Each structure stands twice: as C-alpha cells, then as structure tokens.
Amino acid sequence: LFFTDRGRVHWIKVYDLPMQARTGKGRALANLLEFDEGETVANCFNVRYFPDEKYLVIATRQGIIKKTALSAYGRPMKGGIIAIRLDDGDALIDVRIVEGDQDLVLSTSGGMAIRFNHEDVRPMGRAAAGVRGMKLRAGDELVSVDVARDDTAILMVTESGYGKRTQLERFNVQGRGGQELTTL
C-alpha cells in the first residue's frame, strides 16, 4: 500500500515491482503507479492480510487524524482510492497501523507533542475527513505520528541539527484534540 500526500492509496503486489541489482538506482514509482502531477508518497506498508481488528491511523499537516479498519483498503482500484478527504491546503503526512490498546504520539514542527490512546478516535469510512488530533498553534503543523510503547524513547531533531531523546513514559496520556506539550 502506497499512501500519497494527496490522501490517496495505491496498491501494487510486491512481485510486480521490478528486481534491481543491490547497487542499482531503482525505478521511479511514478512509472509503476498512476500519480497526479506533483503527488508524492508519504508512507508505504507491506500488507498481506486485511483484518478488521487492525486499523490504519492517518494524520494530516493541519492536525487532523482518522482511523479506518485495514479491511477497507483490501481492494484498491488501478488509479488509487481515497484514503482521507483533505481540506484545501492540507496534506497527508503519515500513516500507522494500530491494534489493541496502543497510544499515539503526534509531533509538530514547533517542537510540541501529544499522546493519546487510539481508541479516542472512532473508526470511520475511507472517504471521511477525520477529527482533530491536536490543537495547533498559529504557524505550526503536524510532522509525524508514531505508535507509543513505554519501553522506548522518541528522538526529536530540529532543523538546525539539535536532537533530544526522551522516554515515552514521560509523556502523559491525555485526550485527543487537546493542547500539546513542549518537547524541545
């Protein structure tokens, strides 16, 4: 599954991807899939089965988040299908697969983050627009969404190259759509 910044998902079987030498340059995905002009891949997943128990969580630049059953993406069409309906000026930035009792961490370009359980987002259809994942400050935008596990750390890196690693257990779980916490 290839998710694009325009909110579409394309589907190609792995064996249909051309084999290349280890040192080869590769082949442009635009030659294998039907992209619109300027459309780029935001994330991709190798998915063999499409169960109802797993969900795709999709996040956009404007802080919108959407959860859809993975089974809804089992039969895409050749030109791609809608993964999320985007507002003008918005773009899909990241997609994650979740199941069970997992938390999500949303991070912004301004060094803010929020952690909440994915169950706070109700499942929606493929063409839905989603709900607010976090309140963004003026000029801020969402840059990533990750699945949180307390036994791991998150690495935040700034544009100027400064980095900071923080244990995820230090991020309190709060409600979806709330005010974010300063991370940098």
N, C-alpha and C. Protein backbone atom coordinates (compact mmCIF):
# COMPACT_ATOMS: atom_id res chain seq x y z
N LEU A 1 0.85 -1.18 0.00
CA LEU A 1 0.00 0.00 0.00
C LEU A 1 0.89 1.24 0.00
N PHE A 2 0.69 2.12 -0.95
CA PHE A 2 1.43 3.37 -1.05
C PHE A 2 0.46 4.52 -0.78
N PHE A 3 0.69 5.28 0.28
CA PHE A 3 -0.15 6.42 0.65
C PHE A 3 0.52 7.69 0.17
N THR A 4 -0.25 8.54 -0.52
CA THR A 4 0.32 9.77 -1.07
C THR A 4 -0.10 10.98 -0.26
N ASP A 5 0.62 12.07 -0.46
CA ASP A 5 0.33 13.32 0.26
C ASP A 5 -1.02 13.91 -0.14
N ARG A 6 -1.63 13.44 -1.20
CA ARG A 6 -2.94 13.94 -1.64
C ARG A 6 -4.10 13.14 -1.04
N GLY A 7 -3.79 12.20 -0.14
CA GLY A 7 -4.83 11.46 0.55
C GLY A 7 -5.32 10.23 -0.19
N ARG A 8 -4.54 9.74 -1.14
CA ARG A 8 -4.92 8.54 -1.88
C ARG A 8 -4.01 7.38 -1.51
N VAL A 9 -4.49 6.17 -1.77
CA VAL A 9 -3.69 4.97 -1.53
C VAL A 9 -3.67 4.16 -2.83
N HIS A 10 -2.47 3.72 -3.19
CA HIS A 10 -2.27 2.88 -4.37
C HIS A 10 -1.83 1.50 -3.89
N TRP A 11 -2.12 0.51 -4.68
CA TRP A 11 -1.89 -0.86 -4.31
C TRP A 11 -1.11 -1.55 -5.41
N ILE A 12 -0.02 -2.21 -5.06
CA ILE A 12 0.74 -2.99 -6.04
C ILE A 12 1.29 -4.22 -5.33
N LYS A 13 1.27 -5.34 -6.01
CA LYS A 13 1.81 -6.57 -5.43
C LYS A 13 3.33 -6.50 -5.49
N VAL A 14 3.96 -6.99 -4.45
CA VAL A 14 5.43 -6.90 -4.35
C VAL A 14 6.09 -7.58 -5.53
N TYR A 15 5.56 -8.71 -5.98
CA TYR A 15 6.20 -9.42 -7.09
C TYR A 15 6.06 -8.66 -8.41
N ASP A 16 5.21 -7.62 -8.47
CA ASP A 16 5.11 -6.79 -9.67
C ASP A 16 6.16 -5.67 -9.68
N LEU A 17 6.85 -5.47 -8.57
CA LEU A 17 7.92 -4.48 -8.52
C LEU A 17 9.15 -5.08 -9.20
N PRO A 18 9.82 -4.34 -10.07
CA PRO A 18 10.97 -4.91 -10.78
C PRO A 18 12.16 -5.15 -9.85
N MET A 19 12.83 -6.28 -10.05
CA MET A 19 14.04 -6.59 -9.29
C MET A 19 15.18 -5.72 -9.81
N GLN A 20 16.02 -5.27 -8.91
CA GLN A 20 17.16 -4.43 -9.27
C GLN A 20 18.40 -5.00 -8.60
N ALA A 21 19.55 -4.69 -9.14
CA ALA A 21 20.81 -5.06 -8.50
C ALA A 21 20.96 -4.28 -7.21
N ARG A 22 21.72 -4.81 -6.29
CA ARG A 22 21.92 -4.14 -5.00
C ARG A 22 22.44 -2.73 -5.16
N THR A 23 23.27 -2.50 -6.13
CA THR A 23 23.85 -1.18 -6.35
C THR A 23 23.08 -0.38 -7.40
N GLY A 24 21.99 -0.93 -7.91
CA GLY A 24 21.21 -0.26 -8.94
C GLY A 24 20.49 0.98 -8.42
N LYS A 25 20.14 1.87 -9.33
CA LYS A 25 19.48 3.13 -8.98
C LYS A 25 18.02 2.92 -8.59
N GLY A 26 17.38 1.90 -9.13
CA GLY A 26 15.97 1.67 -8.87
C GLY A 26 15.11 2.24 -9.98
N ARG A 27 13.80 2.23 -9.76
CA ARG A 27 12.86 2.71 -10.76
C ARG A 27 11.85 3.63 -10.09
N ALA A 28 11.48 4.68 -10.76
CA ALA A 28 10.55 5.66 -10.20
C ALA A 28 9.17 5.03 -10.02
N LEU A 29 8.57 5.24 -8.83
CA LEU A 29 7.24 4.71 -8.57
C LEU A 29 6.20 5.32 -9.50
N ALA A 30 6.46 6.51 -9.97
CA ALA A 30 5.53 7.17 -10.89
C ALA A 30 5.38 6.38 -12.19
N ASN A 31 6.37 5.54 -12.51
CA ASN A 31 6.29 4.70 -13.70
C ASN A 31 5.49 3.42 -13.44
N LEU A 32 5.27 3.09 -12.17
CA LEU A 32 4.56 1.87 -11.81
C LEU A 32 3.13 2.13 -11.34
N LEU A 33 2.89 3.30 -10.77
CA LEU A 33 1.58 3.67 -10.23
C LEU A 33 1.09 4.93 -10.91
N GLU A 34 -0.20 5.18 -10.86
CA GLU A 34 -0.78 6.35 -11.52
C GLU A 34 -0.89 7.51 -10.54
N PHE A 35 0.16 8.35 -10.48
CA PHE A 35 0.17 9.52 -9.63
C PHE A 35 -0.28 10.74 -10.42
N ASP A 36 -0.88 11.71 -9.72
CA ASP A 36 -1.15 13.01 -10.32
C ASP A 36 0.16 13.79 -10.32
N GLU A 37 0.20 14.86 -11.09
CA GLU A 37 1.41 15.67 -11.15
C GLU A 37 1.71 16.27 -9.79
N GLY A 38 2.93 16.13 -9.30
CA GLY A 38 3.36 16.67 -8.02
C GLY A 38 3.00 15.81 -6.82
N GLU A 39 2.30 14.71 -7.02
CA GLU A 39 1.90 13.82 -5.92
C GLU A 39 3.10 12.99 -5.49
N THR A 40 3.31 12.88 -4.18
CA THR A 40 4.44 12.12 -3.66
C THR A 40 3.97 11.09 -2.63
N VAL A 41 4.80 10.08 -2.41
CA VAL A 41 4.48 9.03 -1.44
C VAL A 41 4.82 9.51 -0.04
N ALA A 42 3.85 9.41 0.88
CA ALA A 42 4.06 9.80 2.28
C ALA A 42 4.51 8.60 3.12
N ASN A 43 3.98 7.41 2.82
CA ASN A 43 4.35 6.20 3.56
C ASN A 43 3.89 4.99 2.76
N CYS A 44 4.50 3.84 3.05
CA CYS A 44 4.07 2.61 2.40
C CYS A 44 4.17 1.45 3.38
N PHE A 45 3.34 0.44 3.15
CA PHE A 45 3.30 -0.74 4.01
C PHE A 45 3.19 -1.99 3.17
N ASN A 46 3.86 -3.04 3.62
CA ASN A 46 3.70 -4.37 3.04
C ASN A 46 2.60 -5.05 3.84
N VAL A 47 1.44 -5.25 3.24
CA VAL A 47 0.30 -5.84 3.94
C VAL A 47 -0.15 -7.07 3.16
N ARG A 48 -0.18 -8.20 3.83
CA ARG A 48 -0.62 -9.43 3.19
C ARG A 48 -2.09 -9.71 3.47
N TYR A 49 -2.52 -9.46 4.70
CA TYR A 49 -3.90 -9.71 5.11
C TYR A 49 -4.53 -8.39 5.57
N PHE A 50 -5.82 -8.29 5.44
CA PHE A 50 -6.55 -7.07 5.76
C PHE A 50 -7.62 -7.37 6.81
N PRO A 51 -7.22 -7.63 8.07
CA PRO A 51 -8.21 -7.98 9.10
C PRO A 51 -8.96 -6.75 9.63
N ASP A 52 -10.16 -7.00 10.17
CA ASP A 52 -10.96 -5.93 10.77
C ASP A 52 -10.39 -5.47 12.10
N GLU A 53 -9.55 -6.28 12.76
CA GLU A 53 -9.02 -5.94 14.09
C GLU A 53 -7.89 -4.92 14.03
N LYS A 54 -7.28 -4.73 12.87
CA LYS A 54 -6.21 -3.75 12.72
C LYS A 54 -6.78 -2.51 12.04
N TYR A 55 -6.19 -1.36 12.39
CA TYR A 55 -6.64 -0.09 11.85
C TYR A 55 -5.48 0.69 11.27
N LEU A 56 -5.79 1.51 10.28
CA LEU A 56 -4.84 2.48 9.77
C LEU A 56 -5.18 3.82 10.39
N VAL A 57 -4.19 4.47 10.97
CA VAL A 57 -4.35 5.82 11.51
C VAL A 57 -3.62 6.76 10.56
N ILE A 58 -4.37 7.71 10.02
CA ILE A 58 -3.85 8.66 9.04
C ILE A 58 -3.81 10.04 9.67
N ALA A 59 -2.69 10.74 9.53
CA ALA A 59 -2.54 12.09 10.08
C ALA A 59 -2.24 13.07 8.96
N THR A 60 -2.76 14.31 9.12
CA THR A 60 -2.53 15.35 8.13
C THR A 60 -1.76 16.52 8.73
N ARG A 61 -1.24 17.35 7.87
CA ARG A 61 -0.42 18.50 8.28
C ARG A 61 -1.16 19.44 9.23
N GLN A 62 -2.49 19.59 9.07
CA GLN A 62 -3.27 20.51 9.89
C GLN A 62 -3.76 19.89 11.19
N GLY A 63 -3.22 18.73 11.59
CA GLY A 63 -3.56 18.13 12.87
C GLY A 63 -4.78 17.24 12.86
N ILE A 64 -5.28 16.89 11.69
CA ILE A 64 -6.44 16.01 11.57
C ILE A 64 -5.95 14.56 11.62
N ILE A 65 -6.74 13.70 12.28
CA ILE A 65 -6.39 12.29 12.40
C ILE A 65 -7.63 11.46 12.08
N LYS A 66 -7.41 10.31 11.45
CA LYS A 66 -8.52 9.45 11.06
C LYS A 66 -8.11 8.00 11.25
N LYS A 67 -9.05 7.19 11.74
CA LYS A 67 -8.81 5.76 11.94
C LYS A 67 -9.83 4.98 11.11
N THR A 68 -9.32 4.07 10.30
CA THR A 68 -10.17 3.24 9.44
C THR A 68 -9.70 1.80 9.53
N ALA A 69 -10.64 0.87 9.52
CA ALA A 69 -10.29 -0.56 9.54
C ALA A 69 -9.43 -0.88 8.33
N LEU A 70 -8.39 -1.67 8.55
CA LEU A 70 -7.48 -2.06 7.48
C LEU A 70 -8.22 -2.80 6.37
N SER A 71 -9.29 -3.49 6.73
CA SER A 71 -10.06 -4.25 5.74
C SER A 71 -10.68 -3.35 4.66
N ALA A 72 -10.85 -2.07 4.93
CA ALA A 72 -11.42 -1.14 3.96
C ALA A 72 -10.48 -0.86 2.80
N TYR A 73 -9.21 -1.24 2.92
CA TYR A 73 -8.21 -0.97 1.89
C TYR A 73 -7.81 -2.23 1.14
N GLY A 74 -8.59 -3.29 1.26
CA GLY A 74 -8.23 -4.58 0.68
C GLY A 74 -8.38 -4.68 -0.82
N ARG A 75 -9.15 -3.80 -1.45
CA ARG A 75 -9.39 -3.90 -2.89
C ARG A 75 -9.30 -2.54 -3.58
N PRO A 76 -8.13 -1.93 -3.60
CA PRO A 76 -7.99 -0.64 -4.30
C PRO A 76 -8.12 -0.79 -5.81
N MET A 77 -8.40 0.31 -6.46
CA MET A 77 -8.51 0.32 -7.92
C MET A 77 -7.18 0.76 -8.53
N LYS A 78 -7.05 0.58 -9.83
CA LYS A 78 -5.79 0.84 -10.51
C LYS A 78 -5.27 2.26 -10.31
N GLY A 79 -6.15 3.25 -10.38
CA GLY A 79 -5.73 4.64 -10.24
C GLY A 79 -5.65 5.11 -8.80
N GLY A 80 -5.80 4.20 -7.83
CA GLY A 80 -5.77 4.56 -6.43
C GLY A 80 -7.17 4.82 -5.90
N ILE A 81 -7.31 4.79 -4.59
CA ILE A 81 -8.59 5.07 -3.94
C ILE A 81 -8.38 6.14 -2.88
N ILE A 82 -9.46 6.75 -2.45
CA ILE A 82 -9.38 7.80 -1.43
C ILE A 82 -9.09 7.16 -0.08
N ALA A 83 -8.06 7.65 0.61
CA ALA A 83 -7.75 7.19 1.96
C ALA A 83 -8.32 8.17 2.98
N ILE A 84 -8.31 9.47 2.65
CA ILE A 84 -8.84 10.51 3.52
C ILE A 84 -9.24 11.70 2.65
N ARG A 85 -10.34 12.34 3.01
CA ARG A 85 -10.76 13.56 2.31
C ARG A 85 -10.04 14.73 2.96
N LEU A 86 -9.27 15.46 2.17
CA LEU A 86 -8.45 16.56 2.69
C LEU A 86 -9.08 17.91 2.41
N ASP A 87 -8.89 18.84 3.35
CA ASP A 87 -9.29 20.23 3.14
C ASP A 87 -8.26 20.89 2.22
N ASP A 88 -8.63 22.04 1.65
CA ASP A 88 -7.69 22.78 0.81
C ASP A 88 -6.46 23.17 1.62
N GLY A 89 -5.29 22.99 1.05
CA GLY A 89 -4.05 23.35 1.71
C GLY A 89 -3.53 22.31 2.68
N ASP A 90 -4.26 21.23 2.90
CA ASP A 90 -3.82 20.18 3.81
C ASP A 90 -3.16 19.06 3.01
N ALA A 91 -2.37 18.23 3.69
CA ALA A 91 -1.70 17.10 3.04
C ALA A 91 -1.55 15.97 4.03
N LEU A 92 -1.62 14.75 3.54
CA LEU A 92 -1.37 13.57 4.36
C LEU A 92 0.12 13.54 4.68
N ILE A 93 0.47 13.37 5.95
CA ILE A 93 1.90 13.36 6.30
C ILE A 93 2.39 12.00 6.78
N ASP A 94 1.50 11.19 7.38
CA ASP A 94 1.97 9.91 7.90
C ASP A 94 0.81 8.96 8.13
N VAL A 95 1.11 7.67 8.10
CA VAL A 95 0.13 6.61 8.32
C VAL A 95 0.78 5.56 9.21
N ARG A 96 0.01 5.02 10.14
CA ARG A 96 0.49 3.95 11.03
C ARG A 96 -0.58 2.88 11.15
N ILE A 97 -0.15 1.65 11.41
CA ILE A 97 -1.06 0.54 11.67
C ILE A 97 -1.11 0.34 13.18
N VAL A 98 -2.34 0.29 13.75
CA VAL A 98 -2.53 0.10 15.19
C VAL A 98 -3.49 -1.05 15.43
N GLU A 99 -3.38 -1.63 16.62
CA GLU A 99 -4.30 -2.67 17.06
C GLU A 99 -4.23 -2.74 18.57
N GLY A 100 -5.26 -3.30 19.17
CA GLY A 100 -5.26 -3.46 20.62
C GLY A 100 -5.27 -2.13 21.36
N ASP A 101 -4.56 -2.09 22.48
CA ASP A 101 -4.53 -0.92 23.35
C ASP A 101 -3.22 -0.16 23.15
N GLN A 102 -3.11 0.58 22.05
CA GLN A 102 -1.89 1.32 21.75
C GLN A 102 -2.15 2.82 21.81
N ASP A 103 -1.11 3.55 22.20
CA ASP A 103 -1.17 5.00 22.23
C ASP A 103 -0.49 5.57 20.99
N LEU A 104 -0.87 6.78 20.62
CA LEU A 104 -0.27 7.50 19.52
C LEU A 104 0.42 8.74 20.05
N VAL A 105 1.52 9.13 19.43
CA VAL A 105 2.22 10.38 19.74
C VAL A 105 2.26 11.20 18.46
N LEU A 106 1.64 12.39 18.50
CA LEU A 106 1.65 13.31 17.38
C LEU A 106 2.65 14.42 17.70
N SER A 107 3.52 14.75 16.74
CA SER A 107 4.55 15.77 16.94
C SER A 107 4.42 16.86 15.88
N THR A 108 4.75 18.10 16.29
CA THR A 108 4.63 19.24 15.38
C THR A 108 6.00 19.82 15.03
N SER A 109 6.01 20.67 14.02
CA SER A 109 7.25 21.33 13.60
C SER A 109 7.74 22.33 14.64
N GLY A 110 6.86 22.78 15.52
CA GLY A 110 7.22 23.73 16.57
C GLY A 110 7.72 23.06 17.85
N GLY A 111 7.98 21.77 17.83
CA GLY A 111 8.52 21.08 18.99
C GLY A 111 7.48 20.69 20.03
N MET A 112 6.23 20.54 19.62
CA MET A 112 5.17 20.16 20.53
C MET A 112 4.74 18.72 20.23
N ALA A 113 4.13 18.07 21.22
CA ALA A 113 3.65 16.70 21.03
C ALA A 113 2.47 16.43 21.94
N ILE A 114 1.67 15.43 21.58
CA ILE A 114 0.55 14.99 22.39
C ILE A 114 0.50 13.47 22.30
N ARG A 115 0.10 12.84 23.40
CA ARG A 115 -0.02 11.38 23.45
C ARG A 115 -1.44 11.03 23.89
N PHE A 116 -2.11 10.16 23.13
CA PHE A 116 -3.44 9.70 23.49
C PHE A 116 -3.65 8.30 22.93
N ASN A 117 -4.64 7.59 23.48
CA ASN A 117 -4.94 6.24 23.05
C ASN A 117 -5.70 6.28 21.72
N HIS A 118 -5.39 5.36 20.84
CA HIS A 118 -6.05 5.36 19.53
C HIS A 118 -7.54 5.08 19.64
N GLU A 119 -8.01 4.52 20.77
CA GLU A 119 -9.43 4.28 20.97
C GLU A 119 -10.22 5.60 21.12
N ASP A 120 -9.51 6.73 21.36
CA ASP A 120 -10.17 8.03 21.42
C ASP A 120 -10.68 8.49 20.05
N VAL A 121 -10.20 7.84 18.99
CA VAL A 121 -10.62 8.17 17.63
C VAL A 121 -11.54 7.05 17.17
N ARG A 122 -12.78 7.38 16.85
CA ARG A 122 -13.72 6.35 16.40
C ARG A 122 -13.39 5.92 14.98
N PRO A 123 -13.64 4.66 14.63
CA PRO A 123 -13.40 4.22 13.25
C PRO A 123 -14.33 4.94 12.27
N MET A 124 -13.79 5.26 11.09
CA MET A 124 -14.54 5.98 10.06
C MET A 124 -14.37 5.29 8.72
N GLY A 125 -15.17 5.69 7.75
CA GLY A 125 -15.05 5.17 6.40
C GLY A 125 -13.86 5.78 5.67
N ARG A 126 -13.54 5.22 4.52
CA ARG A 126 -12.37 5.68 3.78
C ARG A 126 -12.47 7.14 3.34
N ALA A 127 -13.63 7.58 2.92
CA ALA A 127 -13.76 8.94 2.37
C ALA A 127 -14.02 10.01 3.43
N ALA A 128 -14.03 9.65 4.71
CA ALA A 128 -14.27 10.63 5.78
C ALA A 128 -13.07 11.57 5.90
N ALA A 129 -13.32 12.74 6.48
CA ALA A 129 -12.27 13.75 6.63
C ALA A 129 -11.47 13.57 7.90
N GLY A 130 -11.99 12.91 8.92
CA GLY A 130 -11.27 12.71 10.17
C GLY A 130 -11.68 13.72 11.23
N VAL A 131 -10.98 13.69 12.36
CA VAL A 131 -11.25 14.56 13.50
C VAL A 131 -9.95 15.23 13.94
N ARG A 132 -10.08 16.23 14.81
CA ARG A 132 -8.89 16.93 15.28
C ARG A 132 -8.07 16.01 16.19
N GLY A 133 -6.80 15.86 15.86
CA GLY A 133 -5.90 15.06 16.67
C GLY A 133 -5.27 15.90 17.77
N MET A 134 -4.94 17.14 17.45
CA MET A 134 -4.38 18.06 18.44
C MET A 134 -4.59 19.49 17.98
N LYS A 135 -4.71 20.41 18.96
CA LYS A 135 -4.81 21.84 18.66
C LYS A 135 -3.43 22.34 18.29
N LEU A 136 -3.36 22.99 17.15
CA LEU A 136 -2.08 23.54 16.70
C LEU A 136 -2.04 25.04 16.92
N ARG A 137 -0.89 25.54 17.25
CA ARG A 137 -0.70 26.99 17.38
C ARG A 137 -0.55 27.59 15.99
N ALA A 138 -0.73 28.88 15.89
CA ALA A 138 -0.61 29.57 14.60
C ALA A 138 0.77 29.32 14.00
N GLY A 139 0.81 28.92 12.75
CA GLY A 139 2.07 28.68 12.05
C GLY A 139 2.67 27.30 12.30
N ASP A 140 2.09 26.53 13.19
CA ASP A 140 2.61 25.19 13.49
C ASP A 140 1.91 24.17 12.62
N GLU A 141 2.57 23.05 12.36
CA GLU A 141 1.96 21.98 11.59
C GLU A 141 2.45 20.63 12.08
N LEU A 142 1.63 19.63 11.89
CA LEU A 142 1.95 18.27 12.31
C LEU A 142 3.02 17.70 11.37
N VAL A 143 4.02 17.02 11.93
CA VAL A 143 5.08 16.43 11.09
C VAL A 143 5.18 14.92 11.22
N SER A 144 4.65 14.34 12.31
CA SER A 144 4.74 12.88 12.43
C SER A 144 3.70 12.34 13.40
N VAL A 145 3.40 11.06 13.23
CA VAL A 145 2.58 10.30 14.17
C VAL A 145 3.29 8.97 14.38
N ASP A 146 3.41 8.56 15.63
CA ASP A 146 4.08 7.32 15.96
C ASP A 146 3.25 6.53 16.96
N VAL A 147 3.43 5.21 16.95
CA VAL A 147 2.80 4.35 17.94
C VAL A 147 3.72 4.31 19.15
N ALA A 148 3.16 4.63 20.33
CA ALA A 148 3.96 4.74 21.55
C ALA A 148 4.04 3.41 22.28
N ARG A 149 5.23 3.09 22.75
CA ARG A 149 5.45 1.96 23.65
C ARG A 149 6.32 2.48 24.78
N ASP A 150 5.89 2.27 26.03
CA ASP A 150 6.59 2.85 27.17
C ASP A 150 8.05 2.41 27.29
N ASP A 151 8.41 1.28 26.73
CA ASP A 151 9.78 0.79 26.85
C ASP A 151 10.72 1.39 25.80
N THR A 152 10.25 2.40 25.06
CA THR A 152 11.07 3.01 24.02
C THR A 152 11.22 4.51 24.27
N ALA A 153 12.06 5.12 23.46
CA ALA A 153 12.28 6.56 23.54
C ALA A 153 11.93 7.17 22.19
N ILE A 154 11.68 8.47 22.21
CA ILE A 154 11.40 9.20 20.97
C ILE A 154 12.55 10.19 20.76
N LEU A 155 13.00 10.32 19.54
CA LEU A 155 14.08 11.23 19.19
C LEU A 155 13.50 12.40 18.42
N MET A 156 13.67 13.60 18.96
CA MET A 156 13.21 14.82 18.31
C MET A 156 14.45 15.52 17.75
N VAL A 157 14.41 15.91 16.47
CA VAL A 157 15.54 16.57 15.82
C VAL A 157 15.03 17.88 15.22
N THR A 158 15.78 18.98 15.46
CA THR A 158 15.39 20.29 14.95
C THR A 158 15.97 20.52 13.56
N GLU A 159 15.48 21.57 12.88
CA GLU A 159 16.01 21.92 11.56
C GLU A 159 17.49 22.26 11.62
N SER A 160 17.94 22.83 12.74
CA SER A 160 19.35 23.22 12.86
C SER A 160 20.24 22.07 13.34
N GLY A 161 19.69 20.88 13.52
CA GLY A 161 20.51 19.71 13.83
C GLY A 161 20.58 19.33 15.30
N TYR A 162 19.91 20.06 16.18
CA TYR A 162 19.90 19.68 17.60
C TYR A 162 18.94 18.51 17.79
N GLY A 163 19.30 17.61 18.69
CA GLY A 163 18.46 16.44 18.93
C GLY A 163 18.25 16.21 20.41
N LYS A 164 17.16 15.53 20.72
CA LYS A 164 16.83 15.23 22.12
C LYS A 164 16.08 13.91 22.15
N ARG A 165 16.52 13.01 23.03
CA ARG A 165 15.87 11.71 23.17
C ARG A 165 15.14 11.69 24.51
N THR A 166 13.86 11.30 24.50
CA THR A 166 13.05 11.29 25.71
C THR A 166 12.30 9.96 25.79
N GLN A 167 12.28 9.36 26.98
CA GLN A 167 11.50 8.14 27.19
C GLN A 167 10.02 8.45 27.00
N LEU A 168 9.30 7.60 26.30
CA LEU A 168 7.88 7.86 26.03
C LEU A 168 7.03 7.80 27.28
N GLU A 169 7.49 7.11 28.30
CA GLU A 169 6.72 7.08 29.55
C GLU A 169 6.65 8.46 30.21
N ARG A 170 7.51 9.40 29.78
CA ARG A 170 7.49 10.76 30.32
C ARG A 170 6.37 11.61 29.72
N PHE A 171 5.76 11.13 28.63
CA PHE A 171 4.64 11.82 28.00
C PHE A 171 3.35 11.30 28.62
N ASN A 172 2.61 12.17 29.30
CA ASN A 172 1.35 11.77 29.90
C ASN A 172 0.30 11.50 28.83
N VAL A 173 -0.52 10.49 29.07
CA VAL A 173 -1.63 10.21 28.17
C VAL A 173 -2.74 11.21 28.47
N GLN A 174 -3.25 11.87 27.44
CA GLN A 174 -4.33 12.83 27.60
C GLN A 174 -5.37 12.58 26.52
N GLY A 175 -6.39 13.39 26.45
CA GLY A 175 -7.45 13.20 25.48
C GLY A 175 -7.07 13.72 24.11
N ARG A 176 -7.65 13.12 23.09
CA ARG A 176 -7.43 13.55 21.72
C ARG A 176 -7.94 14.98 21.54
N GLY A 177 -7.24 15.76 20.72
CA GLY A 177 -7.67 17.11 20.41
C GLY A 177 -7.25 18.15 21.44
N GLY A 178 -6.49 17.74 22.44
CA GLY A 178 -6.09 18.65 23.49
C GLY A 178 -4.91 19.53 23.11
N GLN A 179 -4.47 20.32 24.09
CA GLN A 179 -3.31 21.18 23.94
C GLN A 179 -2.06 20.32 24.03
N GLU A 180 -1.09 20.62 23.20
CA GLU A 180 0.12 19.81 23.16
C GLU A 180 1.11 20.18 24.25
N LEU A 181 2.12 19.32 24.45
CA LEU A 181 3.19 19.54 25.43
C LEU A 181 4.46 19.95 24.72
N THR A 182 5.26 20.81 25.34
CA THR A 182 6.53 21.22 24.77
C THR A 182 7.50 20.05 24.87
N THR A 183 8.19 19.75 23.75
CA THR A 183 9.16 18.66 23.76
C THR A 183 10.58 19.14 23.57
N LEU A 184 10.76 20.29 22.93
CA LEU A 184 12.12 20.80 22.70
C LEU A 184 12.31 22.13 23.40
